[in-house]
């Protein structure tokens, strides 16, 4: 019966510490001030030709992967069917 008292006390202590942390927000502001970049990020712009080339390569790779997946699936089904057929006779 006394084993749960420590867990309850720990939960109460954690809740109290969380309330204290919520009240004292200035420490966070002082600690992490000027640690985050304020400049905006600059991204490289792609030309329409580069975008088209990327798109065609992506579609080509996707088609190749779909064909590979279909072949592997058909081979697995063929092996399963062959195994069932050989065990039945």
C-alpha atoms as a PDB file:
ATOM      1  CA  UNK A   1       0.000   0.000   0.000  1.00  0.00           C
ATOM      2  CA  UNK A   2       2.862   2.368   0.737  1.00  0.00           C
ATOM      3  CA  UNK A   3       4.605   1.873  -2.628  1.00  0.00           C
ATOM      4  CA  UNK A   4       2.468   4.450  -4.436  1.00  0.00           C
ATOM      5  CA  UNK A   5       3.161   7.313  -2.035  1.00  0.00           C
ATOM      6  CA  UNK A   6       6.538   8.097  -3.603  1.00  0.00           C
ATOM      7  CA  UNK A   7       5.014   8.339  -7.063  1.00  0.00           C
ATOM      8  CA  UNK A   8       2.304  10.684  -5.807  1.00  0.00           C
ATOM      9  CA  UNK A   9       4.834  12.880  -4.010  1.00  0.00           C
ATOM     10  CA  UNK A  10       7.028  12.988  -7.121  1.00  0.00           C
ATOM     11  CA  UNK A  11       4.038  13.986  -9.251  1.00  0.00           C
ATOM     12  CA  UNK A  12       3.189  16.759  -6.801  1.00  0.00           C
ATOM     13  CA  UNK A  13       6.778  18.039  -6.815  1.00  0.00           C
ATOM     14  CA  UNK A  14       6.861  18.028 -10.630  1.00  0.00           C
ATOM     15  CA  UNK A  15       3.556  19.906 -10.814  1.00  0.00           C
ATOM     16  CA  UNK A  16       4.851  22.510  -8.347  1.00  0.00           C
ATOM     17  CA  UNK A  17       8.092  22.955 -10.310  1.00  0.00           C
ATOM     18  CA  UNK A  18       6.150  23.329 -13.559  1.00  0.00           C
ATOM     19  CA  UNK A  19       3.974  26.052 -12.021  1.00  0.00           C
ATOM     20  CA  UNK A  20       7.097  27.876 -10.814  1.00  0.00           C
ATOM     21  CA  UNK A  21       8.640  27.636 -14.286  1.00  0.00           C
ATOM     22  CA  UNK A  22       5.495  29.075 -15.847  1.00  0.00           C
ATOM     23  CA  UNK A  23       5.583  32.057 -13.494  1.00  0.00           C
ATOM     24  CA  UNK A  24       9.266  32.787 -14.111  1.00  0.00           C
ATOM     25  CA  UNK A  25       9.562  33.329 -17.865  1.00  0.00           C
ATOM     26  CA  UNK A  26      12.322  35.923 -17.682  1.00  0.00           C
ATOM     27  CA  UNK A  27      15.067  33.328 -17.189  1.00  0.00           C
ATOM     28  CA  UNK A  28      14.274  31.749 -20.543  1.00  0.00           C
ATOM     29  CA  UNK A  29      14.352  35.097 -22.297  1.00  0.00           C
ATOM     30  CA  UNK A  30      17.675  36.035 -20.734  1.00  0.00           C
ATOM     31  CA  UNK A  31      19.281  32.660 -21.404  1.00  0.00           C
ATOM     32  CA  UNK A  32      18.323  32.259 -25.056  1.00  0.00           C
ATOM     33  CA  UNK A  33      18.463  35.870 -26.164  1.00  0.00           C
ATOM     34  CA  UNK A  34      20.473  36.352 -29.379  1.00  0.00           C
ATOM     35  CA  UNK A  35      20.947  32.619 -29.910  1.00  0.00           C
ATOM     36  CA  UNK A  36      18.588  32.383 -32.872  1.00  0.00           C
ATOM     37  CA  UNK A  37      19.421  33.870 -36.276  1.00  0.00           C
ATOM     38  CA  UNK A  38      17.467  36.956 -37.163  1.00  0.00           C
ATOM     39  CA  UNK A  39      18.454  37.060 -40.835  1.00  0.00           C
ATOM     40  CA  UNK A  40      16.163  35.556 -43.419  1.00  0.00           C
ATOM     41  CA  UNK A  41      17.239  32.452 -45.273  1.00  0.00           C
ATOM     42  CA  UNK A  42      18.140  32.789 -48.938  1.00  0.00           C
ATOM     43  CA  UNK A  43      17.247  29.893 -51.221  1.00  0.00           C
ATOM     44  CA  UNK A  44      18.686  29.247 -54.651  1.00  0.00           C
ATOM     45  CA  UNK A  45      16.203  29.773 -57.456  1.00  0.00           C
ATOM     46  CA  UNK A  46      15.876  27.056 -60.087  1.00  0.00           C
ATOM     47  CA  UNK A  47      15.375  27.769 -63.750  1.00  0.00           C
ATOM     48  CA  UNK A  48      12.376  26.247 -65.575  1.00  0.00           C
ATOM     49  CA  UNK A  49      14.741  23.964 -67.515  1.00  0.00           C
ATOM     50  CA  UNK A  50      16.240  22.618 -64.303  1.00  0.00           C
ATOM     51  CA  UNK A  51      12.783  22.043 -62.840  1.00  0.00           C
ATOM     52  CA  UNK A  52      11.676  20.171 -65.963  1.00  0.00           C
ATOM     53  CA  UNK A  53      14.830  18.028 -65.925  1.00  0.00           C
ATOM     54  CA  UNK A  54      14.306  17.221 -62.247  1.00  0.00           C
ATOM     55  CA  UNK A  55      10.653  16.356 -62.883  1.00  0.00           C
ATOM     56  CA  UNK A  56      11.446  13.996 -65.769  1.00  0.00           C
ATOM     57  CA  UNK A  57      14.177  12.246 -63.768  1.00  0.00           C
ATOM     58  CA  UNK A  58      11.821  11.870 -60.819  1.00  0.00           C
ATOM     59  CA  UNK A  59       9.071  10.370 -62.983  1.00  0.00           C
ATOM     60  CA  UNK A  60      11.574   8.054 -64.692  1.00  0.00           C
ATOM     61  CA  UNK A  61      12.873   6.771 -61.347  1.00  0.00           C
ATOM     62  CA  UNK A  62       9.348   6.345 -60.018  1.00  0.00           C
ATOM     63  CA  UNK A  63       8.314   4.317 -63.072  1.00  0.00           C
ATOM     64  CA  UNK A  64      11.431   2.130 -62.777  1.00  0.00           C
ATOM     65  CA  UNK A  65      10.696   1.512 -59.093  1.00  0.00           C
ATOM     66  CA  UNK A  66       7.054   0.625 -59.821  1.00  0.00           C
ATOM     67  CA  UNK A  67       8.118  -1.889 -62.484  1.00  0.00           C
ATOM     68  CA  UNK A  68      10.656  -3.436 -60.102  1.00  0.00           C
ATOM     69  CA  UNK A  69       8.019  -3.732 -57.349  1.00  0.00           C
ATOM     70  CA  UNK A  70       5.543  -5.347 -59.753  1.00  0.00           C
ATOM     71  CA  UNK A  71       8.109  -7.924 -60.931  1.00  0.00           C
ATOM     72  CA  UNK A  72       9.101  -8.834 -57.378  1.00  0.00           C
ATOM     73  CA  UNK A  73       5.438  -9.157 -56.360  1.00  0.00           C
ATOM     74  CA  UNK A  74       4.669 -11.409 -59.334  1.00  0.00           C
ATOM     75  CA  UNK A  75       7.675 -13.603 -58.555  1.00  0.00           C
ATOM     76  CA  UNK A  76       6.632 -13.986 -54.932  1.00  0.00           C
ATOM     77  CA  UNK A  77       3.068 -14.880 -55.926  1.00  0.00           C
ATOM     78  CA  UNK A  78       4.404 -17.378 -58.483  1.00  0.00           C
ATOM     79  CA  UNK A  79       6.605 -19.021 -55.843  1.00  0.00           C
ATOM     80  CA  UNK A  80       3.710 -19.229 -53.400  1.00  0.00           C
ATOM     81  CA  UNK A  81       1.424 -20.703 -56.069  1.00  0.00           C
ATOM     82  CA  UNK A  82       4.096 -23.208 -57.092  1.00  0.00           C
ATOM     83  CA  UNK A  83       4.652 -24.204 -53.460  1.00  0.00           C
ATOM     84  CA  UNK A  84       0.929 -24.709 -52.887  1.00  0.00           C
ATOM     85  CA  UNK A  85       0.576 -26.674 -56.140  1.00  0.00           C
ATOM     86  CA  UNK A  86       3.530 -28.952 -55.333  1.00  0.00           C
ATOM     87  CA  UNK A  87       2.350 -29.630 -51.763  1.00  0.00           C
ATOM     88  CA  UNK A  88      -1.188 -30.414 -52.938  1.00  0.00           C
ATOM     89  CA  UNK A  89      -0.095 -33.316 -55.202  1.00  0.00           C
END
